[in-house]
N, C-alpha and C. Protein backbone atom coordinates (compact mmCIF):
# COMPACT_ATOMS: atom_id res chain seq x y z
N UNK A 1 -18.69 17.66 20.02
CA UNK A 1 -19.65 16.63 19.58
C UNK A 1 -19.18 15.84 20.88
N UNK A 2 -20.20 15.01 21.41
CA UNK A 2 -20.09 14.37 22.25
C UNK A 2 -20.18 12.38 21.84
N UNK A 3 -19.86 11.79 22.45
CA UNK A 3 -19.51 10.56 21.70
C UNK A 3 -20.78 10.42 21.13
N UNK A 4 -21.85 10.07 21.85
CA UNK A 4 -23.14 9.51 21.65
C UNK A 4 -23.37 10.33 20.12
N UNK A 5 -23.20 11.58 20.52
CA UNK A 5 -23.88 12.08 19.15
C UNK A 5 -23.06 11.98 17.44
N UNK A 6 -21.72 11.30 17.75
CA UNK A 6 -20.82 10.44 16.68
C UNK A 6 -21.77 9.05 16.20
N UNK A 7 -22.11 8.35 17.33
CA UNK A 7 -22.73 7.24 17.16
C UNK A 7 -23.53 6.85 16.32
N UNK A 8 -24.41 8.02 16.83
CA UNK A 8 -25.79 8.41 16.27
C UNK A 8 -25.28 8.53 14.52
N UNK A 9 -24.55 9.09 14.32
CA UNK A 9 -24.53 9.91 12.37
C UNK A 9 -23.27 8.80 11.87
N UNK A 10 -22.96 7.54 12.58
CA UNK A 10 -21.48 6.93 12.57
C UNK A 10 -21.48 6.38 11.13
N UNK A 11 -22.95 5.93 10.32
CA UNK A 11 -22.36 6.28 8.55
C UNK A 11 -22.31 7.15 7.96
N UNK A 12 -22.78 8.07 8.20
CA UNK A 12 -22.34 8.78 7.40
C UNK A 12 -21.68 9.83 7.44
N UNK A 13 -20.69 9.86 8.69
CA UNK A 13 -18.98 10.00 8.79
C UNK A 13 -17.81 8.68 7.80
N UNK A 14 -18.53 7.62 8.33
CA UNK A 14 -17.43 6.68 7.67
C UNK A 14 -17.11 6.74 5.63
N UNK A 15 -18.44 7.50 5.71
CA UNK A 15 -17.93 8.49 4.35
C UNK A 15 -17.36 9.27 4.03
N UNK A 16 -17.52 10.62 5.15
CA UNK A 16 -16.42 11.69 5.05
C UNK A 16 -14.61 11.35 5.38
N UNK A 17 -14.76 10.50 6.14
CA UNK A 17 -13.48 9.83 6.53
C UNK A 17 -13.07 9.44 5.05
N UNK A 18 -13.75 8.61 4.74
CA UNK A 18 -12.99 8.24 3.71
C UNK A 18 -12.65 9.40 2.23
N UNK A 19 -13.67 9.78 2.11
CA UNK A 19 -12.84 10.52 1.41
C UNK A 19 -12.32 11.97 1.62
N UNK A 20 -11.77 12.56 2.78
CA UNK A 20 -10.76 13.57 3.33
C UNK A 20 -9.06 12.08 3.08
N UNK A 21 -9.47 11.30 2.98
CA UNK A 21 -7.95 10.41 3.35
C UNK A 21 -7.65 10.37 2.01
N UNK A 22 -8.47 10.19 0.75
CA UNK A 22 -8.24 9.92 -0.34
C UNK A 22 -7.19 11.35 -1.10
N UNK A 23 -8.72 12.11 0.13
CA UNK A 23 -8.14 14.31 -0.69
C UNK A 23 -6.17 14.06 -0.32
N UNK A 24 -6.25 14.44 1.24
CA UNK A 24 -4.83 14.04 2.58
C UNK A 24 -4.19 12.97 1.16
N UNK A 25 -4.23 12.22 0.92
CA UNK A 25 -3.49 11.26 -0.36
C UNK A 25 -2.74 11.84 -1.01
N UNK A 26 -3.74 12.35 -1.76
CA UNK A 26 -3.78 12.71 -3.50
C UNK A 26 -3.01 14.07 -3.52
N UNK A 27 -3.69 15.13 -2.38
CA UNK A 27 -2.50 16.73 -2.06
C UNK A 27 -1.20 15.95 -1.52
N UNK A 28 -0.53 14.98 -0.47
CA UNK A 28 0.61 14.60 -0.18
C UNK A 28 1.39 13.99 -1.27
N UNK A 29 0.65 13.38 -2.27
CA UNK A 29 1.76 12.82 -3.69
C UNK A 29 2.63 14.20 -4.41
N UNK A 30 4.08 13.64 -4.34
CA UNK A 30 4.66 14.65 -5.01
C UNK A 30 4.89 14.05 -6.74
N UNK A 31 4.38 15.38 -7.97
CA UNK A 31 4.64 14.47 -9.11
C UNK A 31 5.76 15.56 -9.95
N UNK A 32 6.76 14.52 -9.46
CA UNK A 32 8.33 15.20 -9.57
C UNK A 32 8.45 14.74 -11.22
N UNK A 33 8.12 14.00 -11.95
CA UNK A 33 8.44 13.27 -13.07
C UNK A 33 8.37 13.93 -14.41
N UNK A 34 9.73 14.66 -15.36
CA UNK A 34 9.96 15.34 -16.42
C UNK A 34 10.49 15.14 -17.39
N UNK A 35 10.50 15.21 -18.08
CA UNK A 35 11.15 14.21 -19.61
C UNK A 35 11.12 16.16 -20.91
N UNK A 36 11.94 15.98 -21.61
CA UNK A 36 12.17 17.46 -22.29
C UNK A 36 11.07 17.31 -23.28
N UNK A 37 10.62 18.28 -23.80
CA UNK A 37 10.11 18.53 -25.26
C UNK A 37 11.24 18.78 -26.23
N UNK A 38 10.55 19.30 -27.35
CA UNK A 38 11.93 19.27 -28.42
C UNK A 38 12.25 20.65 -28.22
N UNK A 39 11.88 21.04 -27.66
CA UNK A 39 12.58 22.26 -27.82
C UNK A 39 14.10 22.37 -26.23
N UNK A 40 13.75 21.54 -26.05
CA UNK A 40 14.21 21.44 -24.85
C UNK A 40 15.86 20.31 -24.18
N UNK A 41 16.03 19.68 -25.53
CA UNK A 41 16.76 18.55 -25.60
C UNK A 41 18.00 19.52 -26.74
N UNK A 42 19.29 19.37 -26.08
CA UNK A 42 20.35 19.85 -26.12
C UNK A 42 19.91 19.58 -27.75
N UNK A 43 20.74 20.27 -28.67
CA UNK A 43 21.08 20.18 -30.52
C UNK A 43 20.07 20.75 -31.19
N UNK A 44 19.99 20.11 -32.34
CA UNK A 44 19.11 19.62 -33.12
C UNK A 44 18.60 21.32 -33.91
N UNK A 45 19.65 22.33 -33.65
CA UNK A 45 19.72 23.87 -34.27
C UNK A 45 19.64 23.34 -35.91
N UNK A 46 20.95 22.85 -36.33
CA UNK A 46 20.86 23.22 -37.91
C UNK A 46 19.66 21.96 -38.66
N UNK A 47 19.66 22.06 -39.79
CA UNK A 47 18.56 21.10 -40.58
C UNK A 47 19.23 20.35 -41.36
N UNK A 48 19.03 19.00 -40.82
CA UNK A 48 20.18 18.08 -40.93
C UNK A 48 20.26 17.62 -41.97
N UNK A 49 19.44 18.58 -43.13
CA UNK A 49 19.46 18.02 -44.57
C UNK A 49 18.62 19.20 -45.68
N UNK A 50 18.65 19.22 -46.89
CA UNK A 50 17.77 20.09 -47.42
C UNK A 50 16.76 19.66 -47.81
N UNK A 51 16.00 20.93 -47.42
CA UNK A 51 14.20 20.37 -47.44
C UNK A 51 14.02 19.88 -49.09
N UNK A 52 14.28 20.28 -50.40
CA UNK A 52 14.56 19.00 -51.45
C UNK A 52 15.53 18.48 -52.26
N UNK A 53 14.86 17.88 -52.95
CA UNK A 53 16.20 16.75 -54.10
C UNK A 53 16.59 14.99 -53.37
N UNK A 54 16.46 15.55 -52.01
CA UNK A 54 17.59 13.82 -50.85
C UNK A 54 16.77 12.88 -51.19
N UNK A 55 15.53 13.00 -51.85
CA UNK A 55 14.27 11.39 -51.34
C UNK A 55 14.17 10.98 -50.06
N UNK A 56 14.58 12.20 -49.15
CA UNK A 56 14.10 11.51 -47.69
C UNK A 56 12.72 13.02 -47.62
N UNK A 57 12.70 12.36 -46.02
CA UNK A 57 11.41 13.34 -45.91
C UNK A 57 11.40 14.33 -45.15
N UNK A 58 10.85 15.40 -45.51
CA UNK A 58 11.53 16.69 -44.78
C UNK A 58 11.90 16.80 -43.33
N UNK A 59 12.77 17.31 -42.80
CA UNK A 59 13.23 17.49 -41.10
C UNK A 59 13.74 18.95 -41.21
N UNK A 60 13.59 18.86 -39.49
CA UNK A 60 13.82 20.57 -39.71
C UNK A 60 14.74 20.57 -38.34
N UNK A 61 14.89 19.32 -37.75
CA UNK A 61 15.92 19.31 -36.49
C UNK A 61 15.70 18.11 -36.08
N UNK A 62 16.86 17.94 -35.80
CA UNK A 62 16.98 15.93 -35.43
C UNK A 62 16.48 15.82 -34.05
N UNK A 63 16.22 16.62 -33.07
CA UNK A 63 15.93 16.79 -31.75
C UNK A 63 13.85 16.49 -31.71
N UNK A 64 13.34 16.59 -33.13
CA UNK A 64 12.42 16.05 -33.06
C UNK A 64 12.05 14.77 -32.46
N UNK A 65 10.59 14.18 -31.88
CA UNK A 65 9.84 13.82 -30.77
C UNK A 65 10.24 11.57 -31.86
N UNK A 66 10.09 11.91 -32.92
CA UNK A 66 9.78 10.93 -33.84
C UNK A 66 11.68 10.39 -34.35
N UNK A 67 12.41 10.90 -33.90
CA UNK A 67 14.24 10.54 -34.22
C UNK A 67 14.41 10.32 -32.69
N UNK A 68 15.41 9.14 -32.49
CA UNK A 68 16.42 9.06 -30.98
C UNK A 68 17.54 9.71 -31.12
N UNK A 69 17.38 10.42 -29.38
CA UNK A 69 17.64 11.07 -28.84
C UNK A 69 16.72 12.77 -29.17
N UNK A 70 15.76 12.69 -29.96
CA UNK A 70 14.62 13.98 -30.03
C UNK A 70 14.10 13.48 -28.08
N UNK A 71 12.94 14.71 -28.43
CA UNK A 71 12.61 15.35 -27.38
C UNK A 71 11.13 14.23 -27.24
N UNK A 72 10.75 14.38 -25.63
CA UNK A 72 9.33 13.49 -25.69
C UNK A 72 7.66 14.62 -26.29
N UNK A 73 6.67 13.75 -26.77
CA UNK A 73 5.83 14.30 -27.05
C UNK A 73 4.83 13.88 -25.74
N UNK A 74 4.31 15.28 -25.30
CA UNK A 74 3.32 15.53 -24.55
C UNK A 74 3.85 13.74 -23.26
N UNK A 75 5.26 14.23 -22.54
CA UNK A 75 5.20 12.97 -21.96
C UNK A 75 5.33 13.99 -19.72
N UNK A 76 5.54 13.57 -19.07
CA UNK A 76 4.70 13.72 -17.88
C UNK A 76 5.72 15.95 -17.01
N UNK A 77 5.51 16.50 -17.01
CA UNK A 77 5.75 17.65 -16.18
C UNK A 77 6.30 17.29 -14.62
N UNK A 78 6.87 18.49 -14.18
CA UNK A 78 6.42 18.34 -12.31
C UNK A 78 5.17 19.46 -12.36
N UNK A 79 3.93 19.33 -11.29
CA UNK A 79 2.92 19.49 -11.54
C UNK A 79 2.56 19.63 -10.04
N UNK A 80 1.46 20.43 -9.53
CA UNK A 80 1.11 20.23 -7.86
C UNK A 80 -0.40 20.02 -8.17
N UNK A 81 -0.66 19.26 -7.41
CA UNK A 81 -1.68 18.49 -7.55
C UNK A 81 -2.52 18.72 -6.26
N UNK A 82 -3.59 19.83 -6.45
CA UNK A 82 -3.76 20.02 -4.67
C UNK A 82 -5.89 20.35 -4.79
N UNK A 83 -6.02 19.26 -4.00
CA UNK A 83 -7.81 19.32 -4.38
C UNK A 83 -8.34 19.71 -2.41
N UNK A 84 -9.33 21.01 -2.83
CA UNK A 84 -9.49 21.49 -0.67
C UNK A 84 -10.65 20.87 -0.84
N UNK A 85 -10.38 20.37 0.63
CA UNK A 85 -11.47 20.41 1.93
C UNK A 85 -11.36 20.99 3.06
N UNK A 86 -12.98 21.16 3.15
CA UNK A 86 -13.27 22.17 3.96
C UNK A 86 -12.93 22.45 5.45
N UNK A 87 -12.19 22.79 6.53
CA UNK A 87 -12.03 23.04 8.01
C UNK A 87 -12.67 22.10 8.25
N UNK A 88 -13.61 21.99 8.49
CA UNK A 88 -14.81 22.03 9.25
C UNK A 88 -14.70 20.12 9.14
N UNK A 89 -15.46 19.91 7.65
CA UNK A 89 -14.63 18.87 6.98
C UNK A 89 -13.97 17.98 7.44
N UNK A 90 -12.98 18.70 7.63
CA UNK A 90 -10.97 17.54 8.08
C UNK A 90 -11.58 17.88 9.63
N UNK A 91 -11.46 17.90 10.31
CA UNK A 91 -12.22 18.18 11.81
C UNK A 91 -13.31 17.36 11.84
N UNK A 92 -14.42 16.88 12.04
CA UNK A 92 -15.33 16.08 11.43
C UNK A 92 -14.54 14.79 11.70
N UNK A 93 -14.12 14.87 10.27
CA UNK A 93 -13.38 13.25 9.75
C UNK A 93 -12.28 12.70 10.84
N UNK A 94 -11.43 13.20 11.10
CA UNK A 94 -10.07 13.04 12.51
C UNK A 94 -10.65 12.84 13.32
N UNK A 95 -12.08 13.66 13.96
CA UNK A 95 -12.46 13.58 14.97
C UNK A 95 -13.55 12.05 15.06
N UNK A 96 -13.74 11.97 14.08
CA UNK A 96 -14.74 10.37 13.89
C UNK A 96 -14.02 9.13 13.83
N UNK A 97 -12.18 9.42 12.92
CA UNK A 97 -11.18 8.82 12.98
C UNK A 97 -11.02 7.87 14.60
N UNK A 98 -11.01 8.94 15.14
CA UNK A 98 -10.67 9.12 16.83
C UNK A 98 -11.53 8.34 17.18
N UNK A 99 -12.80 8.15 17.40
CA UNK A 99 -13.30 7.69 17.70
C UNK A 99 -13.67 5.98 17.39
N UNK A 100 -13.93 6.19 15.66
CA UNK A 100 -13.83 4.65 15.28
C UNK A 100 -12.74 3.85 15.99
N UNK A 101 -10.71 4.40 16.29
CA UNK A 101 -10.36 3.79 17.30
C UNK A 101 -10.25 3.56 18.48
N UNK A 102 -11.42 3.76 19.20
CA UNK A 102 -11.23 3.29 20.60
C UNK A 102 -11.01 2.30 20.99
N UNK A 103 -11.09 1.03 20.68
CA UNK A 103 -11.07 -0.05 21.01
C UNK A 103 -9.96 -0.48 20.84
N UNK A 104 -9.15 0.54 20.01
CA UNK A 104 -7.60 0.07 19.98
C UNK A 104 -7.14 1.25 21.27
N UNK A 105 -7.89 1.69 22.06
CA UNK A 105 -7.13 2.92 22.71
C UNK A 105 -6.34 2.73 23.88
N UNK A 106 -5.44 2.66 24.37
CA UNK A 106 -4.32 2.09 25.56
C UNK A 106 -3.65 3.73 26.24
N UNK A 107 -3.79 4.02 27.35
CA UNK A 107 -4.46 4.00 28.18
C UNK A 107 -2.92 4.82 29.28
N UNK A 108 -2.02 5.76 29.26
CA UNK A 108 -1.04 6.03 29.88
C UNK A 108 -1.08 7.04 31.27
N UNK A 109 -0.51 7.00 32.07
CA UNK A 109 -0.66 7.82 33.54
C UNK A 109 -0.16 9.26 33.16
N UNK A 110 -0.83 10.15 33.51
CA UNK A 110 -0.89 11.53 32.97
C UNK A 110 0.93 11.94 34.07
N UNK A 111 0.96 11.67 35.05
CA UNK A 111 1.86 12.04 35.95
C UNK A 111 3.30 11.32 35.07
N UNK A 112 3.06 9.94 34.41
CA UNK A 112 4.34 9.19 33.76
C UNK A 112 4.87 10.61 32.90
N UNK A 113 4.24 10.57 31.82
CA UNK A 113 4.71 11.69 31.35
C UNK A 113 5.02 12.73 31.48
N UNK A 114 4.40 13.20 32.30
CA UNK A 114 5.03 15.05 32.84
C UNK A 114 5.58 14.24 33.86
N UNK A 115 6.59 13.72 34.48
CA UNK A 115 7.69 13.62 35.39
C UNK A 115 8.56 12.90 34.43
N UNK A 116 8.82 12.50 32.75
CA UNK A 116 9.61 12.25 32.13
C UNK A 116 10.39 12.58 31.65
N UNK A 117 11.96 12.77 32.82
CA UNK A 117 12.84 13.85 32.73
C UNK A 117 13.92 13.08 31.98
N UNK A 118 14.24 11.68 31.75
CA UNK A 118 14.95 11.70 30.70
C UNK A 118 15.41 10.55 30.05
N UNK A 119 16.09 11.10 28.65
CA UNK A 119 15.91 10.66 27.17
C UNK A 119 16.14 9.83 26.94
N UNK A 120 15.38 8.04 27.68
CA UNK A 120 16.12 7.15 27.46
C UNK A 120 14.90 6.21 27.16
N UNK A 121 15.46 5.80 25.46
CA UNK A 121 14.04 5.37 25.28
C UNK A 121 13.23 4.03 25.87
N UNK A 122 14.77 3.06 26.16
CA UNK A 122 14.65 2.06 26.99
C UNK A 122 13.78 2.09 28.15
N UNK A 123 13.46 3.11 28.99
CA UNK A 123 13.03 3.86 30.26
C UNK A 123 11.47 3.12 29.56
N UNK A 124 11.42 4.57 28.26
CA UNK A 124 9.84 4.86 27.49
C UNK A 124 9.48 2.74 26.69
N UNK A 125 10.40 2.01 26.36
CA UNK A 125 10.07 1.24 25.68
C UNK A 125 9.10 -0.37 26.73
N UNK A 126 9.89 0.20 28.22
CA UNK A 126 9.56 -0.85 29.22
C UNK A 126 8.48 -0.41 29.38
N UNK A 127 8.00 0.83 29.60
CA UNK A 127 6.99 1.25 30.06
C UNK A 127 5.64 0.69 29.15
N UNK A 128 5.75 0.87 27.26
CA UNK A 128 4.66 0.21 26.82
C UNK A 128 4.71 -1.25 26.92
N UNK A 129 6.11 -1.92 27.61
CA UNK A 129 5.50 -3.14 27.45
C UNK A 129 5.00 -3.72 28.76
N UNK A 130 4.89 -2.90 29.72
CA UNK A 130 4.36 -3.28 30.93
C UNK A 130 2.74 -2.67 30.43
N UNK A 131 2.08 -1.62 29.98
CA UNK A 131 1.04 -1.52 28.58
C UNK A 131 0.00 -2.55 27.56
N UNK A 132 1.57 -3.50 27.74
CA UNK A 132 0.75 -4.76 26.70
C UNK A 132 0.94 -4.14 25.44
N UNK A 133 1.58 -3.29 25.00
CA UNK A 133 1.83 -2.82 23.84
C UNK A 133 2.50 -3.59 23.08
N UNK A 134 2.19 -4.05 22.01
CA UNK A 134 3.05 -4.75 20.28
C UNK A 134 3.56 -4.01 19.48
N UNK A 135 5.19 -3.44 19.98
CA UNK A 135 5.95 -2.79 19.58
C UNK A 135 6.01 -2.97 18.21
N UNK A 136 5.49 -4.88 18.03
CA UNK A 136 5.66 -5.03 15.68
C UNK A 136 4.83 -4.51 15.47
N UNK A 137 4.20 -3.76 16.39
CA UNK A 137 2.64 -3.10 15.01
C UNK A 137 3.22 -1.39 15.08
N UNK A 138 2.06 -0.62 14.27
CA UNK A 138 2.21 0.92 14.11
C UNK A 138 1.63 1.29 15.40
N UNK A 139 2.16 2.19 16.34
CA UNK A 139 1.45 2.53 17.76
C UNK A 139 1.74 4.13 17.44
N UNK A 140 0.50 5.30 18.07
CA UNK A 140 -0.01 6.03 17.57
C UNK A 140 0.25 6.77 19.11
N UNK A 141 1.63 7.05 19.84
CA UNK A 141 1.00 8.26 20.80
C UNK A 141 0.77 9.67 20.59
N UNK A 142 -0.67 9.72 21.23
CA UNK A 142 -0.59 11.21 21.59
C UNK A 142 -0.14 11.99 22.90
N UNK A 143 0.26 12.96 23.10
CA UNK A 143 0.58 13.93 23.89
C UNK A 143 -0.77 15.37 24.19
N UNK A 144 -0.77 15.41 25.17
CA UNK A 144 -1.11 16.86 26.02
C UNK A 144 -0.68 18.14 25.06
N UNK A 145 0.41 18.08 25.31
CA UNK A 145 1.18 18.84 24.74
C UNK A 145 3.24 18.74 23.82
N UNK A 146 3.23 19.52 23.13
CA UNK A 146 5.04 19.18 23.83
C UNK A 146 5.57 18.90 24.08
N UNK A 147 6.04 17.98 23.13
CA UNK A 147 7.56 17.07 24.95
C UNK A 147 8.97 16.78 24.36
N UNK A 148 10.20 17.03 24.58
CA UNK A 148 11.09 17.16 23.80
C UNK A 148 11.55 16.39 24.19
N UNK A 149 11.46 15.41 26.26
CA UNK A 149 12.20 14.73 26.44
C UNK A 149 11.61 13.43 25.66
N UNK A 150 10.52 12.77 25.59
CA UNK A 150 9.86 12.24 25.43
C UNK A 150 9.92 12.16 23.70
N UNK A 151 9.87 13.49 23.14
CA UNK A 151 9.87 13.00 21.12
C UNK A 151 11.41 12.37 20.92
N UNK A 152 12.32 12.86 21.64
CA UNK A 152 14.12 12.11 22.14
C UNK A 152 13.71 10.68 22.98
N UNK A 153 13.29 10.12 23.53
CA UNK A 153 13.65 9.01 24.19
C UNK A 153 12.59 7.78 23.13
N UNK A 154 11.51 8.56 22.29
CA UNK A 154 10.84 7.36 21.73
C UNK A 154 10.95 7.88 19.67
N UNK A 155 12.38 8.56 19.22
CA UNK A 155 12.72 8.88 18.24
C UNK A 155 13.15 7.31 17.46
N UNK A 156 13.95 6.66 18.31
CA UNK A 156 14.38 5.66 17.71
C UNK A 156 13.07 4.52 18.01
N UNK A 157 12.64 4.04 18.72
CA UNK A 157 11.01 3.64 17.99
C UNK A 157 10.92 3.08 17.45
N UNK A 158 11.21 1.94 15.92
CA UNK A 158 10.99 2.13 14.72
C UNK A 158 9.49 2.18 14.22
N UNK A 159 8.12 1.91 15.22
CA UNK A 159 6.94 1.83 14.73
C UNK A 159 6.22 2.74 15.44
N UNK A 160 7.04 3.74 15.96
CA UNK A 160 6.18 4.39 17.07
C UNK A 160 6.07 5.92 16.39
N UNK A 161 5.26 6.55 16.27
CA UNK A 161 4.01 8.11 16.21
C UNK A 161 4.12 9.08 17.03
N UNK A 162 4.79 10.00 16.77
CA UNK A 162 4.47 10.80 18.28
C UNK A 162 3.90 12.29 17.93
N UNK A 163 2.82 12.52 18.40
CA UNK A 163 2.07 13.81 17.99
C UNK A 163 1.16 14.04 19.23
N UNK A 164 0.85 15.59 18.99
CA UNK A 164 0.16 16.40 20.00
C UNK A 164 -1.80 16.08 19.92
N UNK A 165 -1.96 16.56 20.89
CA UNK A 165 -3.75 16.39 21.26
C UNK A 165 -4.29 17.77 19.77
N UNK A 166 -4.02 18.67 19.47
CA UNK A 166 -4.62 19.34 18.57
C UNK A 166 -3.63 19.25 17.30
N UNK A 167 -3.19 18.36 17.06
CA UNK A 167 -2.91 17.96 15.71
C UNK A 167 -2.08 16.85 14.74
N UNK A 168 -3.36 16.08 15.13
CA UNK A 168 -4.04 15.15 15.09
C UNK A 168 -4.10 14.77 13.41
N UNK A 169 -2.96 13.32 12.82
CA UNK A 169 -2.96 13.14 11.43
C UNK A 169 -4.44 11.95 11.30
N UNK A 170 -5.32 12.25 10.58
CA UNK A 170 -6.30 11.27 9.89
C UNK A 170 -5.54 10.03 9.26
N UNK A 171 -4.65 9.54 8.84
CA UNK A 171 -3.97 8.80 7.86
C UNK A 171 -3.07 7.58 9.35
N UNK A 172 -2.43 8.90 10.13
CA UNK A 172 -2.04 7.80 11.36
C UNK A 172 -3.00 7.44 11.77
N UNK A 173 -4.12 8.08 12.46
CA UNK A 173 -4.86 7.33 13.00
C UNK A 173 -5.33 5.60 12.74
N UNK A 174 -5.96 6.08 11.60
CA UNK A 174 -6.16 5.54 10.68
C UNK A 174 -4.85 3.89 10.76
N UNK A 175 -4.38 4.01 10.58
CA UNK A 175 -2.88 3.01 10.42
C UNK A 175 -2.82 2.17 11.08
N UNK A 176 -2.43 3.55 12.53
CA UNK A 176 -2.37 2.66 14.03
C UNK A 176 -2.58 1.72 14.53
N UNK A 177 -2.17 0.86 15.32
CA UNK A 177 -3.26 -0.67 16.22
C UNK A 177 -3.55 -0.16 17.10
N UNK A 178 -2.70 0.21 17.57
CA UNK A 178 -1.96 0.98 18.70
C UNK A 178 -3.07 2.30 19.49
N UNK A 179 -3.64 3.07 19.68
CA UNK A 179 -3.29 4.74 20.21
C UNK A 179 -3.14 4.48 22.08
N UNK A 180 -2.08 5.41 21.88
CA UNK A 180 -1.94 5.15 23.37
C UNK A 180 -1.45 5.97 23.85
N UNK A 181 -2.44 6.99 24.79
CA UNK A 181 -2.86 8.21 24.81
C UNK A 181 -3.33 8.57 26.97
N UNK A 182 -3.30 9.91 27.06
CA UNK A 182 -3.40 10.09 28.74
C UNK A 182 -4.84 10.57 28.61
N UNK A 183 -5.39 10.70 30.18
CA UNK A 183 -6.68 10.87 29.87
C UNK A 183 -6.52 12.40 29.66
N UNK A 184 -5.52 12.93 29.26
CA UNK A 184 -5.57 14.44 29.77
C UNK A 184 -5.38 14.84 27.85
N UNK A 185 -4.39 13.80 27.27
CA UNK A 185 -4.73 13.61 25.79
C UNK A 185 -6.29 13.31 25.53
N UNK A 186 -7.36 12.55 25.84
CA UNK A 186 -8.46 12.20 25.30
C UNK A 186 -9.03 13.85 25.61
N UNK A 187 -8.74 13.83 27.10
CA UNK A 187 -9.75 15.25 27.55
C UNK A 187 -9.82 16.18 26.07
N UNK A 188 -8.62 16.92 26.01
CA UNK A 188 -7.99 18.29 25.29
C UNK A 188 -8.38 17.31 23.06
N UNK A 189 -8.44 16.77 23.40
CA UNK A 189 -8.90 16.29 21.50
C UNK A 189 -10.80 16.13 21.92
N UNK A 190 -10.59 15.99 22.65
CA UNK A 190 -12.53 16.51 22.49
C UNK A 190 -12.80 17.49 22.51
N UNK A 191 -12.13 18.17 23.52
CA UNK A 191 -11.80 19.80 23.51
C UNK A 191 -11.28 20.74 21.67
N UNK A 192 -10.32 19.83 21.53
CA UNK A 192 -10.51 20.87 20.48
C UNK A 192 -10.96 20.48 18.94
N UNK A 193 -11.48 18.57 18.97
CA UNK A 193 -11.61 18.66 17.32
C UNK A 193 -13.07 18.61 17.98
N UNK A 194 -14.36 18.47 19.74
CA UNK A 194 -14.99 18.43 19.59
C UNK A 194 -16.20 19.40 19.16
N UNK A 195 -15.78 20.42 18.98
CA UNK A 195 -16.74 21.65 18.72
C UNK A 195 -16.10 22.38 16.41
N UNK A 196 -17.66 22.06 16.34
CA UNK A 196 -17.78 21.99 15.12
C UNK A 196 -18.01 23.41 14.62
């Protein structure tokens, strides 16, 4: 998909971005809260008192939800929540979000990324400062391909997230104040996500 086509369908794609973003947030969440039911709470096997003649209400277990120390009725249990989204919709939403962030693009030289051989954070920070990138804001660095040296060098930069051109995250794109990429990365993103 070319940039002109995206601009023509911008209103439709914003709704799609919102939809896919919410689906991804929902799917990412872990529902791990767990309470014990009457059958899972320890104890309560013996009938507390006989059925008749005491004047008390009938009771079969001291682990009834009505009792202190008893089980929980309809409490939360761990569960998996997943909502389906189409692959083409995900790719279109990511590609559209990429172009929505075009005003936040900061281009870095391909030569710098290719010739970066020392895993030194100081060197990379210095380069970002020359590009006038505010390190106190969220930065997304898009590499053409995986680069272990750059990953090691950027690991200690607090607000910087590193990804590759074929593995973009919609949430990272939307939440970043700066998108740092090379010309090669830009072309690879168009090549990978533009063919829908």
